[in-house]
Each structure stands twice: as structure tokens, then as C-alpha cells.
């Protein structure tokens, strides 16, 4: 990458949420604006970030089952570890940061929040030059009739946020932390407390997955994959080679391939 390009050339307007807001407000904003995570602030000071994954974990926790989603505050799901840069720094500093963080906060010289950079922001202007081969990662599958409670446990234990859903050997959808967050919110809002434990154990992945499955061919160009991600507002896309699952491409894997 050229050193003449600066962070100010790729950064976006900061998307913030007050730590006193409800997590339902945060989730609604993330879904409406296609952003994950949001920057959590307190009196205009950045205190961390809040992600769809953190909200999914909070809403899926049995100890929070007595609380309505609208009664849970952002402060309870804030991830305090974040990183920051300045607008006049080279974009070369972004790649290692975005390999570890979903979002990089941008401050001005007075330490005032002025922007943010995500993998999507960077990929809008800079893309891997050698196709998608080096951006393909291994992907895990899960059966459509598997229980959501087991999915949540696998996500937590294996630190995996997306699975390709199969049904009788066919690839029929994808399930991510976003699907879990949306499903858990709807569930908590619609099912009375005394029925939640039983009902949640009967919820299966087929009920919450995103379908049909959007995929790309291994010969697809990086620009085509990035355009698809941005157009569909998705963070990953599986790679299918003559009906066989070859792997998955994520925004982060594309950044790693730069």
C-alpha cells in the first residue's frame, strides 16, 4: 500500500450509542445502519464498543431471562478494550489493527472522536490484488435441526461466530451471532418468563438461520466478493466449488489478504 494514503481518506462517521441506552436500541441501530460494533460513549467520552455478539450472549444467558431486552442497558455489554488512531496516520497501520479489532476509533489532536474505520470501510477503497484464494478460511457446518442452545454453547466454547447450515447433506443457510441476537430478542419479548426455559430448549437452528445461502465461486474476483458483501450488508460469504463447500470469506480475511 502507498504511504501517501491516510486514515482520513478511508474513515467513516462514528456510529455511537450511549452506555445508558438499551441494548435493543443498540441492536436496532446496528441492523439499520449495517454496522457492527457501535462505539459506546459516556458524556462524549469513548468507553468501549458494543457488538452483536455481546448482545447475543447477554440475551441468551439464562441468568438474564427474567429481564426484558428493553430493560438491559448497553453498559452491561460494553467491551472496554478498543484501539484508536489519528487521521493523518498512514493506512498501513490499519491492517494489523483490523486483524484484531472489528473497529478502529479515530481521534483528532485534541482526543476528540471524529471517525471510525472498519474492515468494510477499508475494503471499499483497497482490495486484494491476487483474487480471493488467500482470503478463503475454513468453515464449520451445523445441522439445521440442532438446538439453538447447543449452537450458543459451541459459539462460546469454540469462539466461532458463523456456521454453514446443512440439511441431509445440502447447504441451506448460514447462522451467525446476528441471527442469534435477533432471535433471542424476539424470544424474550414474546415468551412469558415461566415458559422460556422449555421453549428455548426446543428452538432449532432452522428457526433462526438466514436463508437461502448466498455463495461465490472460487474463481470470483475480490472486487466482486466485496461488492456483494457491501450490497447485501453481510460480513461473510461461503465459497462453493461445484456444489462442494470450499471455505468461507470474511471481511477480516480479506483485510488479512491485503
C-alpha atoms as a PDB file:
ATOM      1  CA  UNK A   1       0.000   0.000   0.000  1.00  0.00           C
ATOM      2  CA  UNK A   2       1.142   3.510  -0.698  1.00  0.00           C
ATOM      3  CA  UNK A   3       2.216   5.650   2.256  1.00  0.00           C
ATOM      4  CA  UNK A   4       0.605   8.724   0.722  1.00  0.00           C
ATOM      5  CA  UNK A   5      -2.865   7.458   1.700  1.00  0.00           C
ATOM      6  CA  UNK A   6      -4.048   8.373   5.157  1.00  0.00           C
ATOM      7  CA  UNK A   7      -6.657   7.167   7.590  1.00  0.00           C
ATOM      8  CA  UNK A   8      -8.739  10.292   6.973  1.00  0.00           C
ATOM      9  CA  UNK A   9      -9.155   9.084   3.376  1.00  0.00           C
ATOM     10  CA  UNK A  10     -10.974   5.882   4.415  1.00  0.00           C
ATOM     11  CA  UNK A  11     -12.576   6.659   7.762  1.00  0.00           C
ATOM     12  CA  UNK A  12     -16.344   6.916   8.211  1.00  0.00           C
ATOM     13  CA  UNK A  13     -18.527   8.994  10.501  1.00  0.00           C
ATOM     14  CA  UNK A  14     -18.507   7.481  14.007  1.00  0.00           C
ATOM     15  CA  UNK A  15     -21.574   5.418  14.898  1.00  0.00           C
ATOM     16  CA  UNK A  16     -22.126   5.832  18.625  1.00  0.00           C
ATOM     17  CA  UNK A  17     -24.520   4.684  21.326  1.00  0.00           C
ATOM     18  CA  UNK A  18     -24.754   5.933  24.909  1.00  0.00           C
ATOM     19  CA  UNK A  19     -23.826   3.364  27.519  1.00  0.00           C
ATOM     20  CA  UNK A  20     -27.084   4.287  29.276  1.00  0.00           C
ATOM     21  CA  UNK A  21     -29.143   3.288  26.211  1.00  0.00           C
ATOM     22  CA  UNK A  22     -30.975  -0.027  25.997  1.00  0.00           C
ATOM     23  CA  UNK A  23     -29.371  -2.915  24.150  1.00  0.00           C
ATOM     24  CA  UNK A  24     -32.481  -3.071  21.952  1.00  0.00           C
ATOM     25  CA  UNK A  25     -31.652   0.451  20.732  1.00  0.00           C
ATOM     26  CA  UNK A  26     -28.087  -0.630  20.006  1.00  0.00           C
ATOM     27  CA  UNK A  27     -29.196  -3.708  18.066  1.00  0.00           C
ATOM     28  CA  UNK A  28     -31.759  -1.732  16.075  1.00  0.00           C
ATOM     29  CA  UNK A  29     -29.122   0.830  15.126  1.00  0.00           C
ATOM     30  CA  UNK A  30     -26.590  -1.806  14.115  1.00  0.00           C
ATOM     31  CA  UNK A  31     -29.111  -3.579  11.900  1.00  0.00           C
ATOM     32  CA  UNK A  32     -30.493  -0.369  10.362  1.00  0.00           C
ATOM     33  CA  UNK A  33     -27.068   1.053   9.548  1.00  0.00           C
ATOM     34  CA  UNK A  34     -25.298  -2.222   8.778  1.00  0.00           C
ATOM     35  CA  UNK A  35     -22.684  -1.584  11.454  1.00  0.00           C
ATOM     36  CA  UNK A  36     -21.037  -3.890  13.986  1.00  0.00           C
ATOM     37  CA  UNK A  37     -19.896  -2.870  16.528  1.00  0.00           C
ATOM     38  CA  UNK A  38     -21.025   0.547  17.755  1.00  0.00           C
ATOM     39  CA  UNK A  39     -18.832   2.918  19.727  1.00  0.00           C
ATOM     40  CA  UNK A  40     -20.125   3.185  23.292  1.00  0.00           C
ATOM     41  CA  UNK A  41     -19.858   6.668  24.820  1.00  0.00           C
ATOM     42  CA  UNK A  42     -20.459   8.307  28.159  1.00  0.00           C
ATOM     43  CA  UNK A  43     -20.686  12.112  28.178  1.00  0.00           C
ATOM     44  CA  UNK A  44     -18.990  12.206  24.752  1.00  0.00           C
ATOM     45  CA  UNK A  45     -16.122  10.048  26.001  1.00  0.00           C
ATOM     46  CA  UNK A  46     -15.465   6.707  24.346  1.00  0.00           C
ATOM     47  CA  UNK A  47     -15.727   3.894  26.885  1.00  0.00           C
ATOM     48  CA  UNK A  48     -15.579   0.900  24.544  1.00  0.00           C
ATOM     49  CA  UNK A  49     -17.621  -0.872  21.910  1.00  0.00           C
ATOM     50  CA  UNK A  50     -20.810  -2.928  21.868  1.00  0.00           C
ATOM     51  CA  UNK A  51     -21.200  -5.775  19.370  1.00  0.00           C
ATOM     52  CA  UNK A  52     -23.972  -8.024  18.112  1.00  0.00           C
ATOM     53  CA  UNK A  53     -22.058 -10.967  19.555  1.00  0.00           C
ATOM     54  CA  UNK A  54     -22.048  -9.424  23.049  1.00  0.00           C
ATOM     55  CA  UNK A  55     -25.775  -8.706  22.822  1.00  0.00           C
ATOM     56  CA  UNK A  56     -26.463 -12.274  21.654  1.00  0.00           C
ATOM     57  CA  UNK A  57     -24.537 -13.660  24.632  1.00  0.00           C
ATOM     58  CA  UNK A  58     -26.361 -11.365  27.051  1.00  0.00           C
ATOM     59  CA  UNK A  59     -29.834 -12.180  25.746  1.00  0.00           C
ATOM     60  CA  UNK A  60     -29.062 -15.886  25.566  1.00  0.00           C
ATOM     61  CA  UNK A  61     -27.850 -16.092  29.163  1.00  0.00           C
ATOM     62  CA  UNK A  62     -30.252 -17.901  31.463  1.00  0.00           C
ATOM     63  CA  UNK A  63     -29.447 -15.537  34.322  1.00  0.00           C
ATOM     64  CA  UNK A  64     -30.906 -12.668  32.296  1.00  0.00           C
ATOM     65  CA  UNK A  65     -34.092 -14.494  31.348  1.00  0.00           C
ATOM     66  CA  UNK A  66     -36.161 -12.570  33.916  1.00  0.00           C
ATOM     67  CA  UNK A  67     -35.218  -9.261  32.297  1.00  0.00           C
ATOM     68  CA  UNK A  68     -36.977  -7.901  29.243  1.00  0.00           C
ATOM     69  CA  UNK A  69     -34.487  -6.936  26.476  1.00  0.00           C
ATOM     70  CA  UNK A  70     -35.574  -3.293  26.769  1.00  0.00           C
ATOM     71  CA  UNK A  71     -34.601  -3.343  30.454  1.00  0.00           C
ATOM     72  CA  UNK A  72     -30.940  -4.215  29.780  1.00  0.00           C
ATOM     73  CA  UNK A  73     -28.512  -1.333  29.313  1.00  0.00           C
ATOM     74  CA  UNK A  74     -25.606  -1.065  26.891  1.00  0.00           C
ATOM     75  CA  UNK A  75     -23.255  -0.591  29.855  1.00  0.00           C
ATOM     76  CA  UNK A  76     -23.685  -4.272  30.722  1.00  0.00           C
ATOM     77  CA  UNK A  77     -22.320  -5.432  27.358  1.00  0.00           C
ATOM     78  CA  UNK A  78     -19.596  -2.860  26.676  1.00  0.00           C
ATOM     79  CA  UNK A  79     -16.253  -4.320  25.660  1.00  0.00           C
ATOM     80  CA  UNK A  80     -13.766  -1.880  27.146  1.00  0.00           C
ATOM     81  CA  UNK A  81     -10.770  -2.923  25.077  1.00  0.00           C
ATOM     82  CA  UNK A  82     -10.520  -0.875  21.875  1.00  0.00           C
ATOM     83  CA  UNK A  83      -7.843   0.798  19.798  1.00  0.00           C
ATOM     84  CA  UNK A  84      -7.502   4.240  18.257  1.00  0.00           C
ATOM     85  CA  UNK A  85      -5.566   6.113  15.580  1.00  0.00           C
ATOM     86  CA  UNK A  86      -5.236   9.657  14.239  1.00  0.00           C
ATOM     87  CA  UNK A  87      -6.480  10.823  10.825  1.00  0.00           C
ATOM     88  CA  UNK A  88      -3.064  11.800   9.495  1.00  0.00           C
ATOM     89  CA  UNK A  89      -1.523   8.380  10.124  1.00  0.00           C
ATOM     90  CA  UNK A  90      -0.820   6.079   7.177  1.00  0.00           C
ATOM     91  CA  UNK A  91      -3.462   3.470   6.392  1.00  0.00           C
ATOM     92  CA  UNK A  92      -0.664   0.909   6.687  1.00  0.00           C
ATOM     93  CA  UNK A  93      -1.255   0.914  10.457  1.00  0.00           C
ATOM     94  CA  UNK A  94      -4.852  -0.234   9.950  1.00  0.00           C
ATOM     95  CA  UNK A  95      -4.234  -3.754   8.659  1.00  0.00           C
ATOM     96  CA  UNK A  96      -2.710  -5.243  11.840  1.00  0.00           C
ATOM     97  CA  UNK A  97      -5.291  -3.404  13.946  1.00  0.00           C
ATOM     98  CA  UNK A  98      -8.259  -4.663  11.906  1.00  0.00           C
ATOM     99  CA  UNK A  99      -6.882  -8.189  12.147  1.00  0.00           C
ATOM    100  CA  UNK A 100      -7.537  -7.992  15.880  1.00  0.00           C
ATOM    101  CA  UNK A 101     -10.365  -5.450  16.262  1.00  0.00           C
ATOM    102  CA  UNK A 102     -13.635  -5.147  14.361  1.00  0.00           C
ATOM    103  CA  UNK A 103     -13.402  -1.379  14.593  1.00  0.00           C
ATOM    104  CA  UNK A 104     -10.723   1.288  14.961  1.00  0.00           C
ATOM    105  CA  UNK A 105     -11.632   4.581  16.645  1.00  0.00           C
ATOM    106  CA  UNK A 106     -10.268   7.809  15.100  1.00  0.00           C
ATOM    107  CA  UNK A 107      -9.391  10.792  17.327  1.00  0.00           C
ATOM    108  CA  UNK A 108      -8.230  14.270  16.373  1.00  0.00           C
ATOM    109  CA  UNK A 109      -5.282  16.019  18.017  1.00  0.00           C
ATOM    110  CA  UNK A 110      -7.459  17.060  20.953  1.00  0.00           C
ATOM    111  CA  UNK A 111      -8.523  13.457  21.550  1.00  0.00           C
ATOM    112  CA  UNK A 112     -11.996  14.180  20.225  1.00  0.00           C
ATOM    113  CA  UNK A 113     -13.853  11.376  18.459  1.00  0.00           C
ATOM    114  CA  UNK A 114     -14.098  12.220  14.756  1.00  0.00           C
ATOM    115  CA  UNK A 115     -14.391   8.904  12.940  1.00  0.00           C
ATOM    116  CA  UNK A 116     -14.072   5.155  12.762  1.00  0.00           C
ATOM    117  CA  UNK A 117     -12.668   2.560  10.394  1.00  0.00           C
ATOM    118  CA  UNK A 118     -13.997  -0.964   9.924  1.00  0.00           C
ATOM    119  CA  UNK A 119     -12.852  -3.688   7.563  1.00  0.00           C
ATOM    120  CA  UNK A 120     -15.693  -2.679   5.246  1.00  0.00           C
ATOM    121  CA  UNK A 121     -14.518   0.942   5.162  1.00  0.00           C
ATOM    122  CA  UNK A 122     -11.011  -0.110   4.194  1.00  0.00           C
ATOM    123  CA  UNK A 123     -12.191  -2.642   1.601  1.00  0.00           C
ATOM    124  CA  UNK A 124     -14.344  -0.052  -0.169  1.00  0.00           C
ATOM    125  CA  UNK A 125     -11.132   1.518  -1.435  1.00  0.00           C
ATOM    126  CA  UNK A 126      -8.435  -1.161  -1.131  1.00  0.00           C
ATOM    127  CA  UNK A 127      -8.790  -4.763  -2.212  1.00  0.00           C
ATOM    128  CA  UNK A 128      -6.536  -7.831  -2.506  1.00  0.00           C
ATOM    129  CA  UNK A 129      -4.771  -7.835  -5.842  1.00  0.00           C
ATOM    130  CA  UNK A 130      -4.434 -11.609  -6.256  1.00  0.00           C
ATOM    131  CA  UNK A 131      -8.072 -12.714  -6.159  1.00  0.00           C
ATOM    132  CA  UNK A 132      -9.733 -14.456  -3.218  1.00  0.00           C
ATOM    133  CA  UNK A 133      -7.535 -17.530  -2.893  1.00  0.00           C
ATOM    134  CA  UNK A 134      -5.587 -16.177   0.079  1.00  0.00           C
ATOM    135  CA  UNK A 135      -8.773 -14.943   1.780  1.00  0.00           C
ATOM    136  CA  UNK A 136     -10.558 -18.298   1.997  1.00  0.00           C
ATOM    137  CA  UNK A 137     -10.816 -19.644   5.547  1.00  0.00           C
ATOM    138  CA  UNK A 138     -12.002 -22.955   6.937  1.00  0.00           C
ATOM    139  CA  UNK A 139     -15.685 -23.060   7.822  1.00  0.00           C
ATOM    140  CA  UNK A 140     -17.685 -25.248  10.201  1.00  0.00           C
ATOM    141  CA  UNK A 141     -21.086 -26.734   9.407  1.00  0.00           C
ATOM    142  CA  UNK A 142     -24.008 -27.438  11.700  1.00  0.00           C
ATOM    143  CA  UNK A 143     -27.245 -29.345  11.196  1.00  0.00           C
ATOM    144  CA  UNK A 144     -30.459 -27.382  10.711  1.00  0.00           C
ATOM    145  CA  UNK A 145     -32.234 -29.401  13.423  1.00  0.00           C
ATOM    146  CA  UNK A 146     -29.530 -28.779  16.028  1.00  0.00           C
ATOM    147  CA  UNK A 147     -30.843 -26.908  19.063  1.00  0.00           C
ATOM    148  CA  UNK A 148     -30.001 -23.209  19.364  1.00  0.00           C
ATOM    149  CA  UNK A 149     -28.830 -23.710  22.962  1.00  0.00           C
ATOM    150  CA  UNK A 150     -26.174 -26.096  21.646  1.00  0.00           C
ATOM    151  CA  UNK A 151     -25.226 -23.597  18.937  1.00  0.00           C
ATOM    152  CA  UNK A 152     -24.719 -20.896  21.570  1.00  0.00           C
ATOM    153  CA  UNK A 153     -22.511 -23.202  23.611  1.00  0.00           C
ATOM    154  CA  UNK A 154     -20.404 -24.041  20.559  1.00  0.00           C
ATOM    155  CA  UNK A 155     -20.062 -20.355  19.706  1.00  0.00           C
ATOM    156  CA  UNK A 156     -18.832 -19.597  23.214  1.00  0.00           C
ATOM    157  CA  UNK A 157     -16.567 -22.620  23.613  1.00  0.00           C
ATOM    158  CA  UNK A 158     -15.054 -22.584  20.122  1.00  0.00           C
ATOM    159  CA  UNK A 159     -15.097 -18.801  19.658  1.00  0.00           C
ATOM    160  CA  UNK A 160     -16.765 -19.241  16.262  1.00  0.00           C
ATOM    161  CA  UNK A 161     -19.382 -16.700  15.191  1.00  0.00           C
ATOM    162  CA  UNK A 162     -20.740 -18.274  11.982  1.00  0.00           C
ATOM    163  CA  UNK A 163     -21.703 -21.728  10.768  1.00  0.00           C
ATOM    164  CA  UNK A 164     -22.984 -23.033   7.440  1.00  0.00           C
ATOM    165  CA  UNK A 165     -26.277 -24.866   7.988  1.00  0.00           C
ATOM    166  CA  UNK A 166     -26.805 -28.281   6.420  1.00  0.00           C
ATOM    167  CA  UNK A 167     -29.857 -30.448   5.909  1.00  0.00           C
ATOM    168  CA  UNK A 168     -29.443 -34.001   4.623  1.00  0.00           C
ATOM    169  CA  UNK A 169     -26.128 -33.137   3.047  1.00  0.00           C
ATOM    170  CA  UNK A 170     -27.343 -29.929   1.411  1.00  0.00           C
ATOM    171  CA  UNK A 171     -26.107 -26.445   2.310  1.00  0.00           C
ATOM    172  CA  UNK A 172     -29.244 -24.447   3.035  1.00  0.00           C
ATOM    173  CA  UNK A 173     -28.253 -21.355   5.022  1.00  0.00           C
ATOM    174  CA  UNK A 174     -25.930 -19.628   7.438  1.00  0.00           C
ATOM    175  CA  UNK A 175     -26.301 -18.824  11.117  1.00  0.00           C
ATOM    176  CA  UNK A 176     -24.292 -16.064  12.800  1.00  0.00           C
ATOM    177  CA  UNK A 177     -24.186 -14.109  16.041  1.00  0.00           C
ATOM    178  CA  UNK A 178     -26.539 -11.620  14.384  1.00  0.00           C
ATOM    179  CA  UNK A 179     -29.175 -14.308  13.849  1.00  0.00           C
ATOM    180  CA  UNK A 180     -28.804 -15.381  17.477  1.00  0.00           C
ATOM    181  CA  UNK A 181     -29.108 -11.809  18.781  1.00  0.00           C
ATOM    182  CA  UNK A 182     -32.258 -11.138  16.731  1.00  0.00           C
ATOM    183  CA  UNK A 183     -33.816 -14.475  17.685  1.00  0.00           C
ATOM    184  CA  UNK A 184     -33.065 -14.098  21.392  1.00  0.00           C
ATOM    185  CA  UNK A 185     -34.543 -10.613  21.440  1.00  0.00           C
ATOM    186  CA  UNK A 186     -37.748 -11.728  19.735  1.00  0.00           C
ATOM    187  CA  UNK A 187     -37.954 -14.733  22.012  1.00  0.00           C
ATOM    188  CA  UNK A 188     -37.504 -12.737  25.228  1.00  0.00           C
ATOM    189  CA  UNK A 189     -40.087 -10.191  24.098  1.00  0.00           C
ATOM    190  CA  UNK A 190     -42.747 -12.707  23.060  1.00  0.00           C
ATOM    191  CA  UNK A 191     -42.496 -15.602  25.518  1.00  0.00           C
ATOM    192  CA  UNK A 192     -43.578 -15.265  29.134  1.00  0.00           C
ATOM    193  CA  UNK A 193     -40.980 -15.970  31.811  1.00  0.00           C
ATOM    194  CA  UNK A 194     -42.497 -19.230  33.051  1.00  0.00           C
ATOM    195  CA  UNK A 195     -42.387 -20.751  29.567  1.00  0.00           C
ATOM    196  CA  UNK A 196     -38.969 -19.505  28.449  1.00  0.00           C
ATOM    197  CA  UNK A 197     -36.770 -22.329  29.703  1.00  0.00           C
ATOM    198  CA  UNK A 198     -38.845 -25.022  27.998  1.00  0.00           C
ATOM    199  CA  UNK A 199     -39.415 -23.108  24.764  1.00  0.00           C
ATOM    200  CA  UNK A 200     -35.835 -22.023  24.297  1.00  0.00           C
ATOM    201  CA  UNK A 201     -34.624 -25.621  24.564  1.00  0.00           C
ATOM    202  CA  UNK A 202     -36.907 -26.555  21.686  1.00  0.00           C
ATOM    203  CA  UNK A 203     -35.731 -23.775  19.382  1.00  0.00           C
ATOM    204  CA  UNK A 204     -33.698 -25.157  16.476  1.00  0.00           C
ATOM    205  CA  UNK A 205     -31.269 -23.536  14.077  1.00  0.00           C
ATOM    206  CA  UNK A 206     -33.707 -23.889  11.189  1.00  0.00           C
ATOM    207  CA  UNK A 207     -35.925 -21.397  13.048  1.00  0.00           C
ATOM    208  CA  UNK A 208     -33.324 -18.618  13.167  1.00  0.00           C
ATOM    209  CA  UNK A 209     -30.881 -19.139  10.273  1.00  0.00           C
ATOM    210  CA  UNK A 210     -30.531 -16.841   7.280  1.00  0.00           C
ATOM    211  CA  UNK A 211     -31.567 -18.499   4.022  1.00  0.00           C
ATOM    212  CA  UNK A 212     -31.160 -19.070   1.158  1.00  0.00           C
ATOM    213  CA  UNK A 213     -27.402 -19.353   1.265  1.00  0.00           C
ATOM    214  CA  UNK A 214     -25.544 -16.717  -0.755  1.00  0.00           C
ATOM    215  CA  UNK A 215     -22.250 -18.095  -2.057  1.00  0.00           C
ATOM    216  CA  UNK A 216     -19.499 -17.387  -4.584  1.00  0.00           C
ATOM    217  CA  UNK A 217     -17.390 -19.483  -6.925  1.00  0.00           C
ATOM    218  CA  UNK A 218     -13.641 -19.845  -6.154  1.00  0.00           C
ATOM    219  CA  UNK A 219     -12.880 -18.012  -9.413  1.00  0.00           C
ATOM    220  CA  UNK A 220     -14.735 -14.888  -8.260  1.00  0.00           C
ATOM    221  CA  UNK A 221     -12.693 -11.698  -8.077  1.00  0.00           C
ATOM    222  CA  UNK A 222     -12.038  -9.953  -4.780  1.00  0.00           C
ATOM    223  CA  UNK A 223     -13.848  -6.855  -6.014  1.00  0.00           C
ATOM    224  CA  UNK A 224     -16.949  -8.912  -6.886  1.00  0.00           C
ATOM    225  CA  UNK A 225     -16.999 -10.526  -3.438  1.00  0.00           C
ATOM    226  CA  UNK A 226     -16.550  -7.193  -1.667  1.00  0.00           C
ATOM    227  CA  UNK A 227     -19.279  -5.590  -3.776  1.00  0.00           C
ATOM    228  CA  UNK A 228     -21.599  -8.484  -2.876  1.00  0.00           C
ATOM    229  CA  UNK A 229     -20.840  -8.118   0.839  1.00  0.00           C
ATOM    230  CA  UNK A 230     -21.453  -4.384   0.798  1.00  0.00           C
ATOM    231  CA  UNK A 231     -24.595  -4.629  -1.345  1.00  0.00           C
ATOM    232  CA  UNK A 232     -26.148  -7.396   0.771  1.00  0.00           C
ATOM    233  CA  UNK A 233     -24.774  -5.939   4.014  1.00  0.00           C
ATOM    234  CA  UNK A 234     -23.186  -9.237   5.032  1.00  0.00           C
ATOM    235  CA  UNK A 235     -19.821  -9.855   6.674  1.00  0.00           C
ATOM    236  CA  UNK A 236     -19.061 -13.268   5.176  1.00  0.00           C
ATOM    237  CA  UNK A 237     -19.803 -15.408   2.142  1.00  0.00           C
ATOM    238  CA  UNK A 238     -19.127 -19.143   1.653  1.00  0.00           C
ATOM    239  CA  UNK A 239     -17.157 -20.409  -1.326  1.00  0.00           C
ATOM    240  CA  UNK A 240     -18.757 -23.260  -3.269  1.00  0.00           C
ATOM    241  CA  UNK A 241     -16.839 -25.286  -5.850  1.00  0.00           C
ATOM    242  CA  UNK A 242     -19.147 -27.451  -7.990  1.00  0.00           C
ATOM    243  CA  UNK A 243     -21.553 -27.951  -5.114  1.00  0.00           C
ATOM    244  CA  UNK A 244     -18.856 -28.620  -2.521  1.00  0.00           C
ATOM    245  CA  UNK A 245     -18.101 -26.227   0.330  1.00  0.00           C
ATOM    246  CA  UNK A 246     -14.518 -24.980  -0.032  1.00  0.00           C
ATOM    247  CA  UNK A 247     -14.480 -22.466   2.815  1.00  0.00           C
ATOM    248  CA  UNK A 248     -15.671 -19.005   3.685  1.00  0.00           C
ATOM    249  CA  UNK A 249     -14.516 -15.444   3.034  1.00  0.00           C
ATOM    250  CA  UNK A 250     -14.978 -12.770   5.690  1.00  0.00           C
ATOM    251  CA  UNK A 251     -14.259  -9.075   5.695  1.00  0.00           C
ATOM    252  CA  UNK A 252     -11.438  -9.711   8.125  1.00  0.00           C
ATOM    253  CA  UNK A 253      -9.922 -12.454   5.939  1.00  0.00           C
ATOM    254  CA  UNK A 254      -9.974 -10.037   3.014  1.00  0.00           C
ATOM    255  CA  UNK A 255      -8.118  -7.461   5.110  1.00  0.00           C
ATOM    256  CA  UNK A 256      -5.597 -10.161   6.043  1.00  0.00           C
ATOM    257  CA  UNK A 257      -5.027 -10.790   2.325  1.00  0.00           C
ATOM    258  CA  UNK A 258      -4.166  -7.160   1.541  1.00  0.00           C
END
